[in-house]
Amino acid sequence: MARFLGLGFTLEQVVAACSVSPARAIGEAGRLGSLAVGRQADISVLEIKDGRWVAYDSLRDSLPIDKTLVPVLTVKRGRVFEPEWGPHAWGWEPERAGA
């Protein structure tokens, strides 16, 4: 998501690319991808952070970014989960620029 922001997508475009679009792609737009009565209500609460980071793609090409999204909590099937660890030793934020 941070890479999409770094590439110039709006927050609304990033959220759609990670929710509505995948649900449509797998034929589950009537059940997943947005909040509505009768749909599965899995929710991610994210914080937008400003800073200087580096995001990497699958080929390890780097992209300097100045915003990232950090998970605050997730609700899955009515259960609340708080992020206890991240993909890096320092947590969920990408690698700091110049590190």
C-alpha atoms as a PDB file:
ATOM      1  CA  MET A   1       0.000   0.000   0.000  1.00  0.00           C
ATOM      2  CA  ALA A   2       2.865   2.365   0.807  1.00  0.00           C
ATOM      3  CA  ARG A   3       4.380   1.681  -2.618  1.00  0.00           C
ATOM      4  CA  PHE A   4       1.109   2.660  -4.297  1.00  0.00           C
ATOM      5  CA  LEU A   5       1.062   5.906  -2.288  1.00  0.00           C
ATOM      6  CA  GLY A   6       4.691   6.496  -3.276  1.00  0.00           C
ATOM      7  CA  LEU A   7       3.794   6.036  -6.934  1.00  0.00           C
ATOM      8  CA  GLY A   8       1.220   8.827  -6.674  1.00  0.00           C
ATOM      9  CA  PHE A   9      -2.024   6.935  -6.181  1.00  0.00           C
ATOM     10  CA  THR A  10      -4.557   8.614  -3.887  1.00  0.00           C
ATOM     11  CA  LEU A  11      -5.505   6.949  -0.611  1.00  0.00           C
ATOM     12  CA  GLU A  12      -8.925   6.169  -2.089  1.00  0.00           C
ATOM     13  CA  GLN A  13      -7.308   4.453  -5.093  1.00  0.00           C
ATOM     14  CA  VAL A  14      -4.998   2.463  -2.816  1.00  0.00           C
ATOM     15  CA  VAL A  15      -7.882   1.264  -0.630  1.00  0.00           C
ATOM     16  CA  ALA A  16      -9.902   0.258  -3.706  1.00  0.00           C
ATOM     17  CA  ALA A  17      -6.898  -1.561  -5.180  1.00  0.00           C
ATOM     18  CA  CYS A  18      -6.576  -3.583  -1.973  1.00  0.00           C
ATOM     19  CA  SER A  19     -10.255  -4.278  -1.296  1.00  0.00           C
ATOM     20  CA  VAL A  20     -12.909  -3.759  -3.995  1.00  0.00           C
ATOM     21  CA  SER A  21     -10.737  -4.695  -6.982  1.00  0.00           C
ATOM     22  CA  PRO A  22      -9.468  -8.045  -5.600  1.00  0.00           C
ATOM     23  CA  ALA A  23     -13.018  -8.986  -4.536  1.00  0.00           C
ATOM     24  CA  ARG A  24     -14.218  -8.341  -8.103  1.00  0.00           C
ATOM     25  CA  ALA A  25     -11.256 -10.238  -9.555  1.00  0.00           C
ATOM     26  CA  ILE A  26     -12.170 -13.418  -7.655  1.00  0.00           C
ATOM     27  CA  GLY A  27     -15.899 -13.043  -8.280  1.00  0.00           C
ATOM     28  CA  GLU A  28     -16.766 -12.223  -4.650  1.00  0.00           C
ATOM     29  CA  ALA A  29     -17.770  -8.543  -4.943  1.00  0.00           C
ATOM     30  CA  GLY A  30     -21.205  -9.368  -3.512  1.00  0.00           C
ATOM     31  CA  ARG A  31     -19.633 -10.700  -0.306  1.00  0.00           C
ATOM     32  CA  LEU A  32     -16.204  -9.068   0.092  1.00  0.00           C
ATOM     33  CA  GLY A  33     -14.411  -5.815  -0.662  1.00  0.00           C
ATOM     34  CA  SER A  34     -16.703  -3.240   0.932  1.00  0.00           C
ATOM     35  CA  LEU A  35     -18.790  -2.732   4.050  1.00  0.00           C
ATOM     36  CA  ALA A  36     -22.518  -3.315   3.658  1.00  0.00           C
ATOM     37  CA  VAL A  37     -25.332  -5.167   5.417  1.00  0.00           C
ATOM     38  CA  GLY A  38     -25.022  -8.903   4.886  1.00  0.00           C
ATOM     39  CA  ARG A  39     -21.356  -8.840   3.908  1.00  0.00           C
ATOM     40  CA  GLN A  40     -18.408 -10.218   5.765  1.00  0.00           C
ATOM     41  CA  ALA A  41     -17.159  -7.270   7.864  1.00  0.00           C
ATOM     42  CA  ASP A  42     -13.402  -7.700   8.108  1.00  0.00           C
ATOM     43  CA  ILE A  43     -11.869  -4.291   8.804  1.00  0.00           C
ATOM     44  CA  SER A  44      -8.310  -2.966   8.921  1.00  0.00           C
ATOM     45  CA  VAL A  45      -7.678   0.299  10.740  1.00  0.00           C
ATOM     46  CA  LEU A  46      -4.539   1.951   9.386  1.00  0.00           C
ATOM     47  CA  GLU A  47      -2.556   5.019  10.414  1.00  0.00           C
ATOM     48  CA  ILE A  48      -0.988   7.233   7.767  1.00  0.00           C
ATOM     49  CA  LYS A  49       2.530   8.247   8.815  1.00  0.00           C
ATOM     50  CA  ASP A  50       4.724  10.891   7.235  1.00  0.00           C
ATOM     51  CA  GLY A  51       8.481  10.344   7.064  1.00  0.00           C
ATOM     52  CA  ARG A  52      11.292   9.254   4.793  1.00  0.00           C
ATOM     53  CA  TRP A  53      11.320   5.575   3.905  1.00  0.00           C
ATOM     54  CA  VAL A  54      12.339   3.266   1.093  1.00  0.00           C
ATOM     55  CA  ALA A  55       9.905   0.720  -0.342  1.00  0.00           C
ATOM     56  CA  TYR A  56      11.084  -2.232  -2.419  1.00  0.00           C
ATOM     57  CA  ASP A  57       9.288  -4.196  -5.117  1.00  0.00           C
ATOM     58  CA  SER A  58       9.592  -7.927  -5.749  1.00  0.00           C
ATOM     59  CA  LEU A  59      12.799  -7.363  -7.758  1.00  0.00           C
ATOM     60  CA  ARG A  60      14.265  -5.312  -4.846  1.00  0.00           C
ATOM     61  CA  ASP A  61      14.113  -2.080  -6.877  1.00  0.00           C
ATOM     62  CA  SER A  62      13.809   0.808  -4.423  1.00  0.00           C
ATOM     63  CA  LEU A  63      11.337   3.668  -4.310  1.00  0.00           C
ATOM     64  CA  PRO A  64      11.703   6.598  -1.899  1.00  0.00           C
ATOM     65  CA  ILE A  65       8.362   7.269  -0.160  1.00  0.00           C
ATOM     66  CA  ASP A  66       7.220   9.982   2.233  1.00  0.00           C
ATOM     67  CA  LYS A  67       4.024   8.316   3.520  1.00  0.00           C
ATOM     68  CA  THR A  68       3.309   4.848   4.786  1.00  0.00           C
ATOM     69  CA  LEU A  69       0.367   2.988   6.247  1.00  0.00           C
ATOM     70  CA  VAL A  70       0.811   1.222   9.574  1.00  0.00           C
ATOM     71  CA  PRO A  71      -1.779  -1.199  10.997  1.00  0.00           C
ATOM     72  CA  VAL A  72      -3.499  -0.122  14.209  1.00  0.00           C
ATOM     73  CA  LEU A  73      -5.990  -2.973  14.544  1.00  0.00           C
ATOM     74  CA  THR A  74      -7.934  -5.530  12.541  1.00  0.00           C
ATOM     75  CA  VAL A  75     -11.427  -6.881  13.087  1.00  0.00           C
ATOM     76  CA  LYS A  76     -11.922 -10.357  11.613  1.00  0.00           C
ATOM     77  CA  ARG A  77     -15.215 -12.183  12.128  1.00  0.00           C
ATOM     78  CA  GLY A  78     -15.938 -10.023  15.175  1.00  0.00           C
ATOM     79  CA  ARG A  79     -12.573 -10.584  16.857  1.00  0.00           C
ATOM     80  CA  VAL A  80     -10.222  -7.644  17.384  1.00  0.00           C
ATOM     81  CA  PHE A  81      -6.526  -8.170  16.687  1.00  0.00           C
ATOM     82  CA  GLU A  82      -3.795  -5.666  17.494  1.00  0.00           C
ATOM     83  CA  PRO A  83      -0.501  -5.835  15.618  1.00  0.00           C
ATOM     84  CA  GLU A  84       2.052  -7.339  17.977  1.00  0.00           C
ATOM     85  CA  TRP A  85       4.955  -7.610  15.524  1.00  0.00           C
ATOM     86  CA  GLY A  86       5.752  -6.625  11.978  1.00  0.00           C
ATOM     87  CA  PRO A  87       7.671  -7.882   8.984  1.00  0.00           C
ATOM     88  CA  HIS A  88      10.808  -6.075  10.189  1.00  0.00           C
ATOM     89  CA  ALA A  89      12.726  -6.210  13.456  1.00  0.00           C
ATOM     90  CA  TRP A  90      11.576  -2.613  14.081  1.00  0.00           C
ATOM     91  CA  GLY A  91       7.887  -3.286  13.341  1.00  0.00           C
ATOM     92  CA  TRP A  92       5.569  -2.357  10.498  1.00  0.00           C
ATOM     93  CA  GLU A  93       7.154   0.759   9.001  1.00  0.00           C
ATOM     94  CA  PRO A  94       9.261   0.359   5.853  1.00  0.00           C
ATOM     95  CA  GLU A  95      13.032   0.752   5.958  1.00  0.00           C
ATOM     96  CA  ARG A  96      14.108   4.299   6.819  1.00  0.00           C
ATOM     97  CA  ALA A  97      15.702   6.250   3.974  1.00  0.00           C
ATOM     98  CA  GLY A  98      19.453   6.505   4.416  1.00  0.00           C
ATOM     99  CA  ALA A  99      19.540   3.561   6.830  1.00  0.00           C
END
